[in-house]
Amino acid sequence: MAQLLLLVAVGLVGWMGYKRFLKEAERVRNSVKKAQKESETGATGTLVKDPKTGEYRVDSPDDKV
């Protein structure tokens, strides 16, 4: 019984790690895609609309902390 519980625990940890890996890979893919598009157009950032104020601001990689 203990081996079965250990196997289930290892399986769950592996599944959660795999899901986290896919999420990180998607984030990196989107970041690379955005950087590639900006380099093609010569832009230094992307305008993003603030939903609260309705104003646009530049969403550049330098703003990320």
PDB file of N, CA and C in Angstrom:
ATOM      1  N   MET A   1       0.823  -1.199   0.000  1.00  0.00           N
ATOM      2  CA  MET A   1       0.000   0.000   0.000  1.00  0.00           C
ATOM      3  C   MET A   1       0.863   1.257   0.000  1.00  0.00           C
ATOM      4  N   ALA A   2       1.959   1.223   0.760  1.00  0.00           N
ATOM      5  CA  ALA A   2       2.849   2.385   0.827  1.00  0.00           C
ATOM      6  C   ALA A   2       3.471   2.671  -0.537  1.00  0.00           C
ATOM      7  N   GLN A   3       3.802   1.596  -1.285  1.00  0.00           N
ATOM      8  CA  GLN A   3       4.392   1.789  -2.604  1.00  0.00           C
ATOM      9  C   GLN A   3       3.399   2.451  -3.554  1.00  0.00           C
ATOM     10  N   LEU A   4       2.145   2.095  -3.420  1.00  0.00           N
ATOM     11  CA  LEU A   4       1.107   2.681  -4.272  1.00  0.00           C
ATOM     12  C   LEU A   4       0.948   4.171  -3.975  1.00  0.00           C
ATOM     13  N   LEU A   5       0.936   4.524  -2.699  1.00  0.00           N
ATOM     14  CA  LEU A   5       0.835   5.939  -2.323  1.00  0.00           C
ATOM     15  C   LEU A   5       2.047   6.723  -2.804  1.00  0.00           C
ATOM     16  N   LEU A   6       3.233   6.138  -2.699  1.00  0.00           N
ATOM     17  CA  LEU A   6       4.449   6.793  -3.182  1.00  0.00           C
ATOM     18  C   LEU A   6       4.387   6.975  -4.692  1.00  0.00           C
ATOM     19  N   LEU A   7       3.920   5.966  -5.394  1.00  0.00           N
ATOM     20  CA  LEU A   7       3.796   6.053  -6.846  1.00  0.00           C
ATOM     21  C   LEU A   7       2.802   7.139  -7.252  1.00  0.00           C
ATOM     22  N   VAL A   8       1.687   7.218  -6.559  1.00  0.00           N
ATOM     23  CA  VAL A   8       0.689   8.256  -6.845  1.00  0.00           C
ATOM     24  C   VAL A   8       1.275   9.640  -6.557  1.00  0.00           C
ATOM     25  N   ALA A   9       2.007   9.789  -5.452  1.00  0.00           N
ATOM     26  CA  ALA A   9       2.612  11.081  -5.101  1.00  0.00           C
ATOM     27  C   ALA A   9       3.637  11.495  -6.151  1.00  0.00           C
ATOM     28  N   VAL A  10       4.469  10.569  -6.577  1.00  0.00           N
ATOM     29  CA  VAL A  10       5.469  10.876  -7.611  1.00  0.00           C
ATOM     30  C   VAL A  10       4.769  11.245  -8.916  1.00  0.00           C
ATOM     31  N   GLY A  11       3.717  10.527  -9.250  1.00  0.00           N
ATOM     32  CA  GLY A  11       2.967  10.841 -10.464  1.00  0.00           C
ATOM     33  C   GLY A  11       2.350  12.232 -10.420  1.00  0.00           C
ATOM     34  N   LEU A  12       1.783  12.604  -9.283  1.00  0.00           N
ATOM     35  CA  LEU A  12       1.188  13.939  -9.150  1.00  0.00           C
ATOM     36  C   LEU A  12       2.238  15.035  -9.245  1.00  0.00           C
ATOM     37  N   VAL A  13       3.382  14.829  -8.602  1.00  0.00           N
ATOM     38  CA  VAL A  13       4.466  15.823  -8.669  1.00  0.00           C
ATOM     39  C   VAL A  13       4.964  15.955 -10.102  1.00  0.00           C
ATOM     40  N   GLY A  14       5.097  14.830 -10.793  1.00  0.00           N
ATOM     41  CA  GLY A  14       5.525  14.867 -12.193  1.00  0.00           C
ATOM     42  C   GLY A  14       4.525  15.578 -13.078  1.00  0.00           C
ATOM     43  N   TRP A  15       3.241  15.324 -12.853  1.00  0.00           N
ATOM     44  CA  TRP A  15       2.192  15.975 -13.651  1.00  0.00           C
ATOM     45  C   TRP A  15       2.175  17.484 -13.410  1.00  0.00           C
ATOM     46  N   MET A  16       2.310  17.894 -12.141  1.00  0.00           N
ATOM     47  CA  MET A  16       2.333  19.332 -11.832  1.00  0.00           C
ATOM     48  C   MET A  16       3.569  19.993 -12.433  1.00  0.00           C
ATOM     49  N   GLY A  17       4.697  19.312 -12.403  1.00  0.00           N
ATOM     50  CA  GLY A  17       5.909  19.847 -13.016  1.00  0.00           C
ATOM     51  C   GLY A  17       5.755  20.001 -14.518  1.00  0.00           C
ATOM     52  N   TYR A  18       5.130  19.026 -15.136  1.00  0.00           N
ATOM     53  CA  TYR A  18       4.895  19.080 -16.573  1.00  0.00           C
ATOM     54  C   TYR A  18       3.989  20.245 -16.941  1.00  0.00           C
ATOM     55  N   LYS A  19       2.917  20.452 -16.163  1.00  0.00           N
ATOM     56  CA  LYS A  19       2.000  21.570 -16.417  1.00  0.00           C
ATOM     57  C   LYS A  19       2.722  22.905 -16.254  1.00  0.00           C
ATOM     58  N   ARG A  20       3.558  23.009 -15.224  1.00  0.00           N
ATOM     59  CA  ARG A  20       4.316  24.242 -14.999  1.00  0.00           C
ATOM     60  C   ARG A  20       5.286  24.493 -16.155  1.00  0.00           C
ATOM     61  N   PHE A  21       5.901  23.415 -16.642  1.00  0.00           N
ATOM     62  CA  PHE A  21       6.816  23.525 -17.775  1.00  0.00           C
ATOM     63  C   PHE A  21       6.086  24.039 -19.010  1.00  0.00           C
ATOM     64  N   LEU A  22       4.906  23.502 -19.291  1.00  0.00           N
ATOM     65  CA  LEU A  22       4.133  23.958 -20.448  1.00  0.00           C
ATOM     66  C   LEU A  22       3.747  25.425 -20.318  1.00  0.00           C
ATOM     67  N   LYS A  23       3.370  25.852 -19.118  1.00  0.00           N
ATOM     68  CA  LYS A  23       2.993  27.242 -18.892  1.00  0.00           C
ATOM     69  C   LYS A  23       4.189  28.171 -19.122  1.00  0.00           C
ATOM     70  N   GLU A  24       5.352  27.782 -18.627  1.00  0.00           N
ATOM     71  CA  GLU A  24       6.560  28.594 -18.812  1.00  0.00           C
ATOM     72  C   GLU A  24       6.970  28.623 -20.282  1.00  0.00           C
ATOM     73  N   ALA A  25       6.854  27.501 -20.973  1.00  0.00           N
ATOM     74  CA  ALA A  25       7.200  27.455 -22.391  1.00  0.00           C
ATOM     75  C   ALA A  25       6.279  28.365 -23.200  1.00  0.00           C
ATOM     76  N   GLU A  26       5.010  28.399 -22.860  1.00  0.00           N
ATOM     77  CA  GLU A  26       4.053  29.282 -23.548  1.00  0.00           C
ATOM     78  C   GLU A  26       4.408  30.750 -23.299  1.00  0.00           C
ATOM     79  N   ARG A  27       4.793  31.076 -22.056  1.00  0.00           N
ATOM     80  CA  ARG A  27       5.168  32.439 -21.719  1.00  0.00           C
ATOM     81  C   ARG A  27       6.401  32.873 -22.510  1.00  0.00           C
ATOM     82  N   VAL A  28       7.395  31.994 -22.595  1.00  0.00           N
ATOM     83  CA  VAL A  28       8.617  32.306 -23.333  1.00  0.00           C
ATOM     84  C   VAL A  28       8.319  32.446 -24.822  1.00  0.00           C
ATOM     85  N   ARG A  29       7.470  31.558 -25.349  1.00  0.00           N
ATOM     86  CA  ARG A  29       7.113  31.627 -26.765  1.00  0.00           C
ATOM     87  C   ARG A  29       6.429  32.951 -27.095  1.00  0.00           C
ATOM     88  N   ASN A  30       5.516  33.384 -26.229  1.00  0.00           N
ATOM     89  CA  ASN A  30       4.839  34.665 -26.450  1.00  0.00           C
ATOM     90  C   ASN A  30       5.815  35.819 -26.368  1.00  0.00           C
ATOM     91  N   SER A  31       6.767  35.752 -25.443  1.00  0.00           N
ATOM     92  CA  SER A  31       7.751  36.813 -25.296  1.00  0.00           C
ATOM     93  C   SER A  31       8.643  36.910 -26.538  1.00  0.00           C
ATOM     94  N   VAL A  32       9.078  35.771 -27.043  1.00  0.00           N
ATOM     95  CA  VAL A  32       9.920  35.756 -28.242  1.00  0.00           C
ATOM     96  C   VAL A  32       9.139  36.253 -29.446  1.00  0.00           C
ATOM     97  N   LYS A  33       7.886  35.835 -29.550  1.00  0.00           N
ATOM     98  CA  LYS A  33       7.037  36.262 -30.667  1.00  0.00           C
ATOM     99  C   LYS A  33       6.849  37.787 -30.637  1.00  0.00           C
ATOM    100  N   LYS A  34       6.624  38.332 -29.439  1.00  0.00           N
ATOM    101  CA  LYS A  34       6.445  39.776 -29.289  1.00  0.00           C
ATOM    102  C   LYS A  34       7.729  40.523 -29.648  1.00  0.00           C
ATOM    103  N   ALA A  35       8.869  40.014 -29.189  1.00  0.00           N
ATOM    104  CA  ALA A  35      10.152  40.656 -29.491  1.00  0.00           C
ATOM    105  C   ALA A  35      10.455  40.603 -30.978  1.00  0.00           C
ATOM    106  N   GLN A  36      10.118  39.490 -31.620  1.00  0.00           N
ATOM    107  CA  GLN A  36      10.353  39.359 -33.050  1.00  0.00           C
ATOM    108  C   GLN A  36       9.489  40.352 -33.828  1.00  0.00           C
ATOM    109  N   LYS A  37       8.238  40.483 -33.426  1.00  0.00           N
ATOM    110  CA  LYS A  37       7.340  41.416 -34.107  1.00  0.00           C
ATOM    111  C   LYS A  37       7.816  42.856 -33.925  1.00  0.00           C
ATOM    112  N   GLU A  38       8.278  43.193 -32.713  1.00  0.00           N
ATOM    113  CA  GLU A  38       8.782  44.538 -32.463  1.00  0.00           C
ATOM    114  C   GLU A  38      10.038  44.818 -33.276  1.00  0.00           C
ATOM    115  N   SER A  39      10.909  43.824 -33.437  1.00  0.00           N
ATOM    116  CA  SER A  39      12.133  44.040 -34.218  1.00  0.00           C
ATOM    117  C   SER A  39      11.815  44.203 -35.702  1.00  0.00           C
ATOM    118  N   GLU A  40      10.778  43.523 -36.176  1.00  0.00           N
ATOM    119  CA  GLU A  40      10.385  43.659 -37.573  1.00  0.00           C
ATOM    120  C   GLU A  40       9.840  45.050 -37.867  1.00  0.00           C
ATOM    121  N   THR A  41       9.088  45.603 -36.927  1.00  0.00           N
ATOM    122  CA  THR A  41       8.467  46.908 -37.157  1.00  0.00           C
ATOM    123  C   THR A  41       9.334  48.062 -36.675  1.00  0.00           C
ATOM    124  N   GLY A  42      10.382  47.758 -35.902  1.00  0.00           N
ATOM    125  CA  GLY A  42      11.246  48.814 -35.383  1.00  0.00           C
ATOM    126  C   GLY A  42      10.671  49.499 -34.163  1.00  0.00           C
ATOM    127  N   ALA A  43       9.676  48.896 -33.549  1.00  0.00           N
ATOM    128  CA  ALA A  43       9.042  49.490 -32.372  1.00  0.00           C
ATOM    129  C   ALA A  43       9.910  49.261 -31.136  1.00  0.00           C
ATOM    130  N   THR A  44       9.750  50.139 -30.139  1.00  0.00           N
ATOM    131  CA  THR A  44      10.482  49.977 -28.888  1.00  0.00           C
ATOM    132  C   THR A  44       9.564  49.539 -27.762  1.00  0.00           C
ATOM    133  N   GLY A  45       8.328  49.334 -28.050  1.00  0.00           N
ATOM    134  CA  GLY A  45       7.365  48.892 -27.041  1.00  0.00           C
ATOM    135  C   GLY A  45       6.006  48.697 -27.673  1.00  0.00           C
ATOM    136  N   THR A  46       5.069  48.266 -26.882  1.00  0.00           N
ATOM    137  CA  THR A  46       3.714  48.027 -27.359  1.00  0.00           C
ATOM    138  C   THR A  46       2.748  48.849 -26.528  1.00  0.00           C
ATOM    139  N   LEU A  47       1.781  49.472 -27.171  1.00  0.00           N
ATOM    140  CA  LEU A  47       0.790  50.219 -26.426  1.00  0.00           C
ATOM    141  C   LEU A  47      -0.241  49.262 -25.840  1.00  0.00           C
ATOM    142  N   VAL A  48      -0.533  49.474 -24.563  1.00  0.00           N
ATOM    143  CA  VAL A  48      -1.494  48.639 -23.849  1.00  0.00           C
ATOM    144  C   VAL A  48      -2.505  49.561 -23.189  1.00  0.00           C
ATOM    145  N   LYS A  49      -3.786  49.252 -23.363  1.00  0.00           N
ATOM    146  CA  LYS A  49      -4.838  50.081 -22.781  1.00  0.00           C
ATOM    147  C   LYS A  49      -5.079  49.665 -21.337  1.00  0.00           C
ATOM    148  N   ASP A  50      -5.059  50.650 -20.430  1.00  0.00           N
ATOM    149  CA  ASP A  50      -5.349  50.408 -19.017  1.00  0.00           C
ATOM    150  C   ASP A  50      -6.857  50.310 -18.864  1.00  0.00           C
ATOM    151  N   PRO A  51      -7.364  49.172 -18.388  1.00  0.00           N
ATOM    152  CA  PRO A  51      -8.825  49.004 -18.310  1.00  0.00           C
ATOM    153  C   PRO A  51      -9.481  49.940 -17.297  1.00  0.00           C
ATOM    154  N   LYS A  52      -8.778  50.384 -16.288  1.00  0.00           N
ATOM    155  CA  LYS A  52      -9.372  51.253 -15.267  1.00  0.00           C
ATOM    156  C   LYS A  52      -9.513  52.689 -15.756  1.00  0.00           C
ATOM    157  N   THR A  53      -8.444  53.222 -16.348  1.00  0.00           N
ATOM    158  CA  THR A  53      -8.458  54.627 -16.751  1.00  0.00           C
ATOM    159  C   THR A  53      -8.820  54.818 -18.217  1.00  0.00           C
ATOM    160  N   GLY A  54      -8.612  53.783 -19.041  1.00  0.00           N
ATOM    161  CA  GLY A  54      -8.881  53.915 -20.462  1.00  0.00           C
ATOM    162  C   GLY A  54      -7.742  54.569 -21.219  1.00  0.00           C
ATOM    163  N   GLU A  55      -6.633  54.859 -20.549  1.00  0.00           N
ATOM    164  CA  GLU A  55      -5.478  55.485 -21.187  1.00  0.00           C
ATOM    165  C   GLU A  55      -4.523  54.408 -21.696  1.00  0.00           C
ATOM    166  N   TYR A  56      -3.759  54.762 -22.716  1.00  0.00           N
ATOM    167  CA  TYR A  56      -2.763  53.855 -23.270  1.00  0.00           C
ATOM    168  C   TYR A  56      -1.404  54.168 -22.655  1.00  0.00           C
ATOM    169  N   ARG A  57      -0.615  53.108 -22.468  1.00  0.00           N
ATOM    170  CA  ARG A  57       0.744  53.279 -21.976  1.00  0.00           C
ATOM    171  C   ARG A  57       1.645  52.327 -22.746  1.00  0.00           C
ATOM    172  N   VAL A  58       2.950  52.606 -22.726  1.00  0.00           N
ATOM    173  CA  VAL A  58       3.900  51.750 -23.415  1.00  0.00           C
ATOM    174  C   VAL A  58       4.252  50.585 -22.514  1.00  0.00           C
ATOM    175  N   ASP A  59       4.081  49.382 -23.027  1.00  0.00           N
ATOM    176  CA  ASP A  59       4.408  48.169 -22.286  1.00  0.00           C
ATOM    177  C   ASP A  59       5.717  47.639 -22.848  1.00  0.00           C
ATOM    178  N   SER A  60       6.825  48.137 -22.334  1.00  0.00           N
ATOM    179  CA  SER A  60       8.129  47.708 -22.829  1.00  0.00           C
ATOM    180  C   SER A  60       8.740  46.685 -21.897  1.00  0.00           C
ATOM    181  N   PRO A  61       9.708  45.902 -22.367  1.00  0.00           N
ATOM    182  CA  PRO A  61      10.326  44.884 -21.524  1.00  0.00           C
ATOM    183  C   PRO A  61      11.055  45.481 -20.313  1.00  0.00           C
ATOM    184  N   ASP A  62      11.466  46.744 -20.396  1.00  0.00           N
ATOM    185  CA  ASP A  62      12.161  47.389 -19.290  1.00  0.00           C
ATOM    186  C   ASP A  62      11.250  47.611 -18.095  1.00  0.00           C
ATOM    187  N   ASP A  63       9.928  47.660 -18.311  1.00  0.00           N
ATOM    188  CA  ASP A  63       8.981  47.886 -17.225  1.00  0.00           C
ATOM    189  C   ASP A  63       8.752  46.652 -16.364  1.00  0.00           C
ATOM    190  N   LYS A  64       9.091  45.481 -16.899  1.00  0.00           N
ATOM    191  CA  LYS A  64       8.853  44.229 -16.176  1.00  0.00           C
ATOM    192  C   LYS A  64       9.835  44.123 -15.018  1.00  0.00           C
ATOM    193  N   VAL A  65       9.306  43.759 -13.863  1.00  0.00           N
ATOM    194  CA  VAL A  65      10.172  43.601 -12.682  1.00  0.00           C
ATOM    195  C   VAL A  65      10.047  42.197 -12.170  1.00  0.00           C
TER     196      VAL A  65
END
